[in-house]
PDB file of N, CA and C in Angstrom:
ATOM      1  N   MET A   1     -40.372 -55.123  43.695  1.00  0.00           N
ATOM      2  CA  MET A   1     -40.153 -54.860  42.293  1.00  0.00           C
ATOM      3  C   MET A   1     -38.958 -55.666  41.806  1.00  0.00           C
ATOM      4  N   THR A   2     -39.157 -56.341  40.783  1.00  0.00           N
ATOM      5  CA  THR A   2     -38.058 -57.099  40.200  1.00  0.00           C
ATOM      6  C   THR A   2     -37.365 -56.247  39.170  1.00  0.00           C
ATOM      7  N   GLY A   3     -36.293 -56.679  38.632  1.00  0.00           N
ATOM      8  CA  GLY A   3     -35.522 -55.922  37.650  1.00  0.00           C
ATOM      9  C   GLY A   3     -36.331 -55.630  36.390  1.00  0.00           C
ATOM     10  N   MET A   4     -35.681 -54.959  35.496  1.00  0.00           N
ATOM     11  CA  MET A   4     -36.341 -54.591  34.256  1.00  0.00           C
ATOM     12  C   MET A   4     -36.486 -55.828  33.378  1.00  0.00           C
ATOM     13  N   SER A   5     -37.625 -55.947  32.756  1.00  0.00           N
ATOM     14  CA  SER A   5     -37.851 -57.087  31.862  1.00  0.00           C
ATOM     15  C   SER A   5     -37.195 -56.811  30.514  1.00  0.00           C
ATOM     16  N   ASP A   6     -37.151 -57.815  29.683  1.00  0.00           N
ATOM     17  CA  ASP A   6     -36.570 -57.660  28.353  1.00  0.00           C
ATOM     18  C   ASP A   6     -37.331 -56.603  27.552  1.00  0.00           C
ATOM     19  N   HIS A   7     -38.623 -56.536  27.734  1.00  0.00           N
ATOM     20  CA  HIS A   7     -39.458 -55.564  27.023  1.00  0.00           C
ATOM     21  C   HIS A   7     -39.083 -54.138  27.436  1.00  0.00           C
ATOM     22  N   ASP A   8     -38.846 -53.939  28.744  1.00  0.00           N
ATOM     23  CA  ASP A   8     -38.449 -52.611  29.220  1.00  0.00           C
ATOM     24  C   ASP A   8     -37.093 -52.201  28.644  1.00  0.00           C
ATOM     25  N   TRP A   9     -36.141 -53.146  28.603  1.00  0.00           N
ATOM     26  CA  TRP A   9     -34.827 -52.852  28.038  1.00  0.00           C
ATOM     27  C   TRP A   9     -34.933 -52.497  26.558  1.00  0.00           C
ATOM     28  N   THR A  10     -35.798 -53.176  25.850  1.00  0.00           N
ATOM     29  CA  THR A  10     -35.992 -52.905  24.433  1.00  0.00           C
ATOM     30  C   THR A  10     -36.509 -51.485  24.240  1.00  0.00           C
ATOM     31  N   GLU A  11     -37.439 -51.077  25.096  1.00  0.00           N
ATOM     32  CA  GLU A  11     -37.965 -49.708  24.997  1.00  0.00           C
ATOM     33  C   GLU A  11     -36.886 -48.670  25.289  1.00  0.00           C
ATOM     34  N   VAL A  12     -36.044 -48.920  26.294  1.00  0.00           N
ATOM     35  CA  VAL A  12     -34.970 -47.986  26.641  1.00  0.00           C
ATOM     36  C   VAL A  12     -33.971 -47.887  25.493  1.00  0.00           C
ATOM     37  N   VAL A  13     -33.564 -49.033  24.960  1.00  0.00           N
ATOM     38  CA  VAL A  13     -32.610 -49.035  23.855  1.00  0.00           C
ATOM     39  C   VAL A  13     -33.225 -48.351  22.632  1.00  0.00           C
ATOM     40  N   GLY A  14     -34.491 -48.619  22.380  1.00  0.00           N
ATOM     41  CA  GLY A  14     -35.182 -47.980  21.256  1.00  0.00           C
ATOM     42  C   GLY A  14     -35.263 -46.475  21.436  1.00  0.00           C
ATOM     43  N   ALA A  15     -35.573 -46.021  22.652  1.00  0.00           N
ATOM     44  CA  ALA A  15     -35.656 -44.586  22.922  1.00  0.00           C
ATOM     45  C   ALA A  15     -34.289 -43.928  22.738  1.00  0.00           C
ATOM     46  N   ILE A  16     -33.245 -44.594  23.237  1.00  0.00           N
ATOM     47  CA  ILE A  16     -31.889 -44.057  23.071  1.00  0.00           C
ATOM     48  C   ILE A  16     -31.523 -44.008  21.592  1.00  0.00           C
ATOM     49  N   GLY A  17     -31.882 -45.032  20.841  1.00  0.00           N
ATOM     50  CA  GLY A  17     -31.598 -45.065  19.402  1.00  0.00           C
ATOM     51  C   GLY A  17     -32.320 -43.952  18.662  1.00  0.00           C
ATOM     52  N   ILE A  18     -33.588 -43.754  18.987  1.00  0.00           N
ATOM     53  CA  ILE A  18     -34.356 -42.679  18.345  1.00  0.00           C
ATOM     54  C   ILE A  18     -33.767 -41.324  18.713  1.00  0.00           C
ATOM     55  N   PHE A  19     -33.388 -41.156  19.979  1.00  0.00           N
ATOM     56  CA  PHE A  19     -32.777 -39.903  20.422  1.00  0.00           C
ATOM     57  C   PHE A  19     -31.467 -39.645  19.674  1.00  0.00           C
ATOM     58  N   ALA A  20     -30.646 -40.689  19.527  1.00  0.00           N
ATOM     59  CA  ALA A  20     -29.381 -40.547  18.796  1.00  0.00           C
ATOM     60  C   ALA A  20     -29.648 -40.222  17.330  1.00  0.00           C
ATOM     61  N   LEU A  21     -30.639 -40.862  16.735  1.00  0.00           N
ATOM     62  CA  LEU A  21     -30.988 -40.575  15.342  1.00  0.00           C
ATOM     63  C   LEU A  21     -31.441 -39.130  15.177  1.00  0.00           C
ATOM     64  N   LEU A  22     -32.273 -38.648  16.086  1.00  0.00           N
ATOM     65  CA  LEU A  22     -32.737 -37.261  16.012  1.00  0.00           C
ATOM     66  C   LEU A  22     -31.577 -36.281  16.152  1.00  0.00           C
ATOM     67  N   ILE A  23     -30.666 -36.562  17.075  1.00  0.00           N
ATOM     68  CA  ILE A  23     -29.502 -35.686  17.250  1.00  0.00           C
ATOM     69  C   ILE A  23     -28.647 -35.678  15.979  1.00  0.00           C
ATOM     70  N   THR A  24     -28.443 -36.845  15.380  1.00  0.00           N
ATOM     71  CA  THR A  24     -27.650 -36.944  14.151  1.00  0.00           C
ATOM     72  C   THR A  24     -28.308 -36.177  13.014  1.00  0.00           C
ATOM     73  N   VAL A  25     -29.617 -36.374  12.842  1.00  0.00           N
ATOM     74  CA  VAL A  25     -30.331 -35.664  11.777  1.00  0.00           C
ATOM     75  C   VAL A  25     -30.250 -34.158  12.005  1.00  0.00           C
ATOM     76  N   PHE A  26     -30.431 -33.721  13.249  1.00  0.00           N
ATOM     77  CA  PHE A  26     -30.351 -32.291  13.562  1.00  0.00           C
ATOM     78  C   PHE A  26     -28.959 -31.746  13.259  1.00  0.00           C
ATOM     79  N   ALA A  27     -27.921 -32.472  13.667  1.00  0.00           N
ATOM     80  CA  ALA A  27     -26.542 -32.011  13.446  1.00  0.00           C
ATOM     81  C   ALA A  27     -26.231 -31.930  11.956  1.00  0.00           C
ATOM     82  N   VAL A  28     -26.615 -32.935  11.191  1.00  0.00           N
ATOM     83  CA  VAL A  28     -26.357 -32.927   9.743  1.00  0.00           C
ATOM     84  C   VAL A  28     -27.112 -31.770   9.086  1.00  0.00           C
ATOM     85  N   THR A  29     -28.351 -31.550   9.504  1.00  0.00           N
ATOM     86  CA  THR A  29     -29.147 -30.456   8.945  1.00  0.00           C
ATOM     87  C   THR A  29     -28.496 -29.110   9.234  1.00  0.00           C
ATOM     88  N   VAL A  30     -28.042 -28.886  10.447  1.00  0.00           N
ATOM     89  CA  VAL A  30     -27.395 -27.626  10.819  1.00  0.00           C
ATOM     90  C   VAL A  30     -26.123 -27.422  10.002  1.00  0.00           C
ATOM     91  N   VAL A  31     -25.334 -28.470   9.843  1.00  0.00           N
ATOM     92  CA  VAL A  31     -24.085 -28.362   9.080  1.00  0.00           C
ATOM     93  C   VAL A  31     -24.387 -28.029   7.623  1.00  0.00           C
ATOM     94  N   GLN A  32     -25.367 -28.707   7.040  1.00  0.00           N
ATOM     95  CA  GLN A  32     -25.705 -28.449   5.636  1.00  0.00           C
ATOM     96  C   GLN A  32     -26.249 -27.036   5.444  1.00  0.00           C
ATOM     97  N   ILE A  33     -27.079 -26.580   6.355  1.00  0.00           N
ATOM     98  CA  ILE A  33     -27.619 -25.216   6.267  1.00  0.00           C
ATOM     99  C   ILE A  33     -26.488 -24.198   6.365  1.00  0.00           C
ATOM    100  N   SER A  34     -25.544 -24.434   7.278  1.00  0.00           N
ATOM    101  CA  SER A  34     -24.435 -23.484   7.419  1.00  0.00           C
ATOM    102  C   SER A  34     -23.544 -23.495   6.176  1.00  0.00           C
ATOM    103  N   LYS A  35     -23.313 -24.675   5.579  1.00  0.00           N
ATOM    104  CA  LYS A  35     -22.513 -24.730   4.349  1.00  0.00           C
ATOM    105  C   LYS A  35     -23.215 -23.989   3.217  1.00  0.00           C
ATOM    106  N   THR A  36     -24.523 -24.170   3.096  1.00  0.00           N
ATOM    107  CA  THR A  36     -25.283 -23.488   2.053  1.00  0.00           C
ATOM    108  C   THR A  36     -25.234 -21.984   2.254  1.00  0.00           C
ATOM    109  N   ARG A  37     -25.399 -21.558   3.488  1.00  0.00           N
ATOM    110  CA  ARG A  37     -25.371 -20.120   3.789  1.00  0.00           C
ATOM    111  C   ARG A  37     -23.999 -19.532   3.500  1.00  0.00           C
ATOM    112  N   ARG A  38     -22.954 -20.252   3.893  1.00  0.00           N
ATOM    113  CA  ARG A  38     -21.587 -19.782   3.642  1.00  0.00           C
ATOM    114  C   ARG A  38     -21.337 -19.667   2.143  1.00  0.00           C
ATOM    115  N   ALA A  39     -21.791 -20.650   1.373  1.00  0.00           N
ATOM    116  CA  ALA A  39     -21.613 -20.600  -0.085  1.00  0.00           C
ATOM    117  C   ALA A  39     -22.367 -19.414  -0.677  1.00  0.00           C
ATOM    118  N   ARG A  40     -23.571 -19.155  -0.177  1.00  0.00           N
ATOM    119  CA  ARG A  40     -24.361 -18.027  -0.677  1.00  0.00           C
ATOM    120  C   ARG A  40     -23.661 -16.707  -0.350  1.00  0.00           C
ATOM    121  N   LEU A  41     -23.118 -16.585   0.855  1.00  0.00           N
ATOM    122  CA  LEU A  41     -22.417 -15.363   1.246  1.00  0.00           C
ATOM    123  C   LEU A  41     -21.147 -15.164   0.415  1.00  0.00           C
ATOM    124  N   GLU A  42     -20.420 -16.256   0.159  1.00  0.00           N
ATOM    125  CA  GLU A  42     -19.210 -16.152  -0.657  1.00  0.00           C
ATOM    126  C   GLU A  42     -19.552 -15.742  -2.080  1.00  0.00           C
ATOM    127  N   SER A  43     -20.661 -16.247  -2.586  1.00  0.00           N
ATOM    128  CA  SER A  43     -21.099 -15.864  -3.924  1.00  0.00           C
ATOM    129  C   SER A  43     -21.467 -14.382  -3.964  1.00  0.00           C
ATOM    130  N   ALA A  44     -22.171 -13.917  -2.942  1.00  0.00           N
ATOM    131  CA  ALA A  44     -22.536 -12.496  -2.880  1.00  0.00           C
ATOM    132  C   ALA A  44     -21.283 -11.632  -2.766  1.00  0.00           C
ATOM    133  N   ARG A  45     -20.328 -12.061  -1.962  1.00  0.00           N
ATOM    134  CA  ARG A  45     -19.078 -11.313  -1.806  1.00  0.00           C
ATOM    135  C   ARG A  45     -18.324 -11.279  -3.130  1.00  0.00           C
ATOM    136  N   SER A  46     -18.325 -12.395  -3.839  1.00  0.00           N
ATOM    137  CA  SER A  46     -17.669 -12.447  -5.143  1.00  0.00           C
ATOM    138  C   SER A  46     -18.325 -11.476  -6.122  1.00  0.00           C
ATOM    139  N   ASP A  47     -19.656 -11.408  -6.091  1.00  0.00           N
ATOM    140  CA  ASP A  47     -20.370 -10.459  -6.953  1.00  0.00           C
ATOM    141  C   ASP A  47     -20.022  -9.021  -6.579  1.00  0.00           C
ATOM    142  N   ASP A  48     -19.912  -8.755  -5.276  1.00  0.00           N
ATOM    143  CA  ASP A  48     -19.542  -7.400  -4.829  1.00  0.00           C
ATOM    144  C   ASP A  48     -18.149  -7.034  -5.324  1.00  0.00           C
ATOM    145  N   TYR A  49     -17.196  -7.974  -5.221  1.00  0.00           N
ATOM    146  CA  TYR A  49     -15.840  -7.711  -5.691  1.00  0.00           C
ATOM    147  C   TYR A  49     -15.824  -7.479  -7.202  1.00  0.00           C
ATOM    148  N   ARG A  50     -16.624  -8.253  -7.941  1.00  0.00           N
ATOM    149  CA  ARG A  50     -16.683  -8.091  -9.393  1.00  0.00           C
ATOM    150  C   ARG A  50     -17.216  -6.708  -9.747  1.00  0.00           C
ATOM    151  N   ARG A  51     -18.290  -6.280  -9.059  1.00  0.00           N
ATOM    152  CA  ARG A  51     -18.849  -4.948  -9.322  1.00  0.00           C
ATOM    153  C   ARG A  51     -17.842  -3.867  -8.960  1.00  0.00           C
ATOM    154  N   LEU A  52     -17.144  -4.046  -7.849  1.00  0.00           N
ATOM    155  CA  LEU A  52     -16.124  -3.080  -7.439  1.00  0.00           C
ATOM    156  C   LEU A  52     -15.009  -2.991  -8.481  1.00  0.00           C
ATOM    157  N   ALA A  53     -14.585  -4.134  -8.994  1.00  0.00           N
ATOM    158  CA  ALA A  53     -13.538  -4.143 -10.023  1.00  0.00           C
ATOM    159  C   ALA A  53     -14.029  -3.455 -11.296  1.00  0.00           C
ATOM    160  N   GLU A  54     -15.283  -3.689 -11.668  1.00  0.00           N
ATOM    161  CA  GLU A  54     -15.826  -3.029 -12.865  1.00  0.00           C
ATOM    162  C   GLU A  54     -15.879  -1.515 -12.663  1.00  0.00           C
ATOM    163  N   THR A  55     -16.312  -1.080 -11.489  1.00  0.00           N
ATOM    164  CA  THR A  55     -16.382   0.348 -11.193  1.00  0.00           C
ATOM    165  C   THR A  55     -14.989   0.976 -11.233  1.00  0.00           C
ATOM    166  N   ALA A  56     -14.018   0.285 -10.631  1.00  0.00           N
ATOM    167  CA  ALA A  56     -12.638   0.798 -10.630  1.00  0.00           C
ATOM    168  C   ALA A  56     -12.093   0.881 -12.056  1.00  0.00           C
ATOM    169  N   SER A  57     -12.412  -0.120 -12.863  1.00  0.00           N
ATOM    170  CA  SER A  57     -11.950  -0.117 -14.255  1.00  0.00           C
ATOM    171  C   SER A  57     -12.575   1.046 -15.025  1.00  0.00           C
ATOM    172  N   GLN A  58     -13.869   1.293 -14.816  1.00  0.00           N
ATOM    173  CA  GLN A  58     -14.534   2.412 -15.487  1.00  0.00           C
ATOM    174  C   GLN A  58     -13.948   3.748 -15.026  1.00  0.00           C
ATOM    175  N   ALA A  59     -13.689   3.863 -13.722  1.00  0.00           N
ATOM    176  CA  ALA A  59     -13.106   5.100 -13.192  1.00  0.00           C
ATOM    177  C   ALA A  59     -11.711   5.324 -13.765  1.00  0.00           C
ATOM    178  N   GLN A  60     -10.941   4.251 -13.907  1.00  0.00           N
ATOM    179  CA  GLN A  60      -9.594   4.376 -14.468  1.00  0.00           C
ATOM    180  C   GLN A  60      -9.663   4.816 -15.930  1.00  0.00           C
ATOM    181  N   ALA A  61     -10.605   4.256 -16.679  1.00  0.00           N
ATOM    182  CA  ALA A  61     -10.757   4.653 -18.087  1.00  0.00           C
ATOM    183  C   ALA A  61     -11.168   6.122 -18.180  1.00  0.00           C
ATOM    184  N   GLU A  62     -12.076   6.553 -17.306  1.00  0.00           N
ATOM    185  CA  GLU A  62     -12.507   7.961 -17.296  1.00  0.00           C
ATOM    186  C   GLU A  62     -11.335   8.875 -16.932  1.00  0.00           C
ATOM    187  N   ASN A  63     -10.535   8.461 -15.939  1.00  0.00           N
ATOM    188  CA  ASN A  63      -9.359   9.257 -15.564  1.00  0.00           C
ATOM    189  C   ASN A  63      -8.366   9.362 -16.714  1.00  0.00           C
ATOM    190  N   SER A  64      -8.167   8.268 -17.430  1.00  0.00           N
ATOM    191  CA  SER A  64      -7.262   8.301 -18.589  1.00  0.00           C
ATOM    192  C   SER A  64      -7.777   9.264 -19.640  1.00  0.00           C
ATOM    193  N   ARG A  65      -9.083   9.244 -19.885  1.00  0.00           N
ATOM    194  CA  ARG A  65      -9.673  10.150 -20.867  1.00  0.00           C
ATOM    195  C   ARG A  65      -9.491  11.604 -20.437  1.00  0.00           C
ATOM    196  N   LEU A  66      -9.749  11.873 -19.152  1.00  0.00           N
ATOM    197  CA  LEU A  66      -9.594  13.238 -18.646  1.00  0.00           C
ATOM    198  C   LEU A  66      -8.142  13.703 -18.704  1.00  0.00           C
ATOM    199  N   LEU A  67      -7.207  12.808 -18.369  1.00  0.00           N
ATOM    200  CA  LEU A  67      -5.788  13.170 -18.442  1.00  0.00           C
ATOM    201  C   LEU A  67      -5.363  13.468 -19.876  1.00  0.00           C
ATOM    202  N   ALA A  68      -5.877  12.695 -20.832  1.00  0.00           N
ATOM    203  CA  ALA A  68      -5.550  12.957 -22.241  1.00  0.00           C
ATOM    204  C   ALA A  68      -6.097  14.315 -22.658  1.00  0.00           C
ATOM    205  N   ALA A  69      -7.327  14.645 -22.216  1.00  0.00           N
ATOM    206  CA  ALA A  69      -7.908  15.952 -22.553  1.00  0.00           C
ATOM    207  C   ALA A  69      -7.089  17.073 -21.927  1.00  0.00           C
ATOM    208  N   LEU A  70      -6.680  16.890 -20.662  1.00  0.00           N
ATOM    209  CA  LEU A  70      -5.854  17.912 -20.001  1.00  0.00           C
ATOM    210  C   LEU A  70      -4.506  18.065 -20.688  1.00  0.00           C
ATOM    211  N   ASP A  71      -3.936  16.955 -21.119  1.00  0.00           N
ATOM    212  CA  ASP A  71      -2.657  17.017 -21.824  1.00  0.00           C
ATOM    213  C   ASP A  71      -2.798  17.821 -23.115  1.00  0.00           C
ATOM    214  N   GLY A  72      -3.901  17.600 -23.813  1.00  0.00           N
ATOM    215  CA  GLY A  72      -4.155  18.370 -25.031  1.00  0.00           C
ATOM    216  C   GLY A  72      -4.305  19.851 -24.740  1.00  0.00           C
ATOM    217  N   ARG A  73      -5.043  20.173 -23.702  1.00  0.00           N
ATOM    218  CA  ARG A  73      -5.233  21.582 -23.347  1.00  0.00           C
ATOM    219  C   ARG A  73      -3.919  22.222 -22.916  1.00  0.00           C
ATOM    220  N   LEU A  74      -3.120  21.486 -22.136  1.00  0.00           N
ATOM    221  CA  LEU A  74      -1.818  22.024 -21.714  1.00  0.00           C
ATOM    222  C   LEU A  74      -0.905  22.242 -22.912  1.00  0.00           C
ATOM    223  N   GLY A  75      -0.961  21.318 -23.870  1.00  0.00           N
ATOM    224  CA  GLY A  75      -0.157  21.490 -25.081  1.00  0.00           C
ATOM    225  C   GLY A  75      -0.575  22.745 -25.830  1.00  0.00           C
ATOM    226  N   GLY A  76      -1.881  22.988 -25.927  1.00  0.00           N
ATOM    227  CA  GLY A  76      -2.375  24.202 -26.581  1.00  0.00           C
ATOM    228  C   GLY A  76      -1.949  25.451 -25.838  1.00  0.00           C
ATOM    229  N   MET A  77      -2.019  25.406 -24.505  1.00  0.00           N
ATOM    230  CA  MET A  77      -1.605  26.561 -23.701  1.00  0.00           C
ATOM    231  C   MET A  77      -0.106  26.812 -23.860  1.00  0.00           C
ATOM    232  N   GLU A  78       0.671  25.725 -23.928  1.00  0.00           N
ATOM    233  CA  GLU A  78       2.117  25.874 -24.077  1.00  0.00           C
ATOM    234  C   GLU A  78       2.448  26.539 -25.417  1.00  0.00           C
ATOM    235  N   SER A  79       1.764  26.117 -26.475  1.00  0.00           N
ATOM    236  CA  SER A  79       2.061  26.731 -27.781  1.00  0.00           C
ATOM    237  C   SER A  79       1.627  28.197 -27.800  1.00  0.00           C
ATOM    238  N   ARG A  80       0.497  28.512 -27.163  1.00  0.00           N
ATOM    239  CA  ARG A  80       0.074  29.928 -27.107  1.00  0.00           C
ATOM    240  C   ARG A  80       1.037  30.746 -26.258  1.00  0.00           C
ATOM    241  N   MET A  81       1.544  30.168 -25.182  1.00  0.00           N
ATOM    242  CA  MET A  81       2.501  30.868 -24.327  1.00  0.00           C
ATOM    243  C   MET A  81       3.796  31.137 -25.084  1.00  0.00           C
ATOM    244  N   THR A  82       4.241  30.153 -25.855  1.00  0.00           N
ATOM    245  CA  THR A  82       5.446  30.325 -26.663  1.00  0.00           C
ATOM    246  C   THR A  82       5.242  31.449 -27.674  1.00  0.00           C
ATOM    247  N   THR A  83       4.082  31.478 -28.297  1.00  0.00           N
ATOM    248  CA  THR A  83       3.768  32.547 -29.258  1.00  0.00           C
ATOM    249  C   THR A  83       3.749  33.895 -28.557  1.00  0.00           C
ATOM    250  N   LEU A  84       3.138  33.949 -27.375  1.00  0.00           N
ATOM    251  CA  LEU A  84       3.069  35.199 -26.614  1.00  0.00           C
ATOM    252  C   LEU A  84       4.467  35.672 -26.229  1.00  0.00           C
ATOM    253  N   GLU A  85       5.329  34.764 -25.788  1.00  0.00           N
ATOM    254  CA  GLU A  85       6.709  35.128 -25.429  1.00  0.00           C
ATOM    255  C   GLU A  85       7.442  35.686 -26.662  1.00  0.00           C
ATOM    256  N   ARG A  86       7.239  35.054 -27.818  1.00  0.00           N
ATOM    257  CA  ARG A  86       7.901  35.533 -29.039  1.00  0.00           C
ATOM    258  C   ARG A  86       7.415  36.928 -29.396  1.00  0.00           C
ATOM    259  N   VAL A  87       6.106  37.144 -29.281  1.00  0.00           N
ATOM    260  CA  VAL A  87       5.563  38.473 -29.590  1.00  0.00           C
ATOM    261  C   VAL A  87       6.124  39.501 -28.626  1.00  0.00           C
ATOM    262  N   LEU A  88       6.203  39.172 -27.343  1.00  0.00           N
ATOM    263  CA  LEU A  88       6.726  40.105 -26.346  1.00  0.00           C
ATOM    264  C   LEU A  88       8.208  40.405 -26.604  1.00  0.00           C
ATOM    265  N   ARG A  89       8.982  39.403 -27.032  1.00  0.00           N
ATOM    266  CA  ARG A  89      10.404  39.641 -27.356  1.00  0.00           C
ATOM    267  C   ARG A  89      10.542  40.539 -28.571  1.00  0.00           C
ATOM    268  N   GLU A  90       9.648  40.333 -29.535  1.00  0.00           N
ATOM    269  CA  GLU A  90       9.710  41.186 -30.729  1.00  0.00           C
ATOM    270  C   GLU A  90       9.347  42.630 -30.415  1.00  0.00           C
ATOM    271  N   VAL A  91       8.423  42.816 -29.446  1.00  0.00           N
ATOM    272  CA  VAL A  91       8.019  44.167 -29.060  1.00  0.00           C
ATOM    273  C   VAL A  91       9.176  44.864 -28.338  1.00  0.00           C
ATOM    274  N   ASP A  92       9.914  44.160 -27.561  1.00  0.00           N
ATOM    275  CA  ASP A  92      11.043  44.756 -26.835  1.00  0.00           C
ATOM    276  C   ASP A  92      12.033  45.210 -27.790  1.00  0.00           C
TER     277      ASP A  92
END
């Protein structure tokens, strides 16, 4: 058997080139898919944070409304208590 002919070397180099091209295409595809997935996940996370912030804002507004109502009721109770104390002092 004699050494490899020029034709055989061409086939080996061509096979190596095709193999390298396939590896490159695969690597680029994997990287792009992972970047797309990461961007999609970050977008979903951003939407979750936005919804959470909206919910917290609504809860804070509801708490403020409830506190104002309680303040009004306490003010009414305080004035009735003052009236009751005055009546009790007058009875004594």
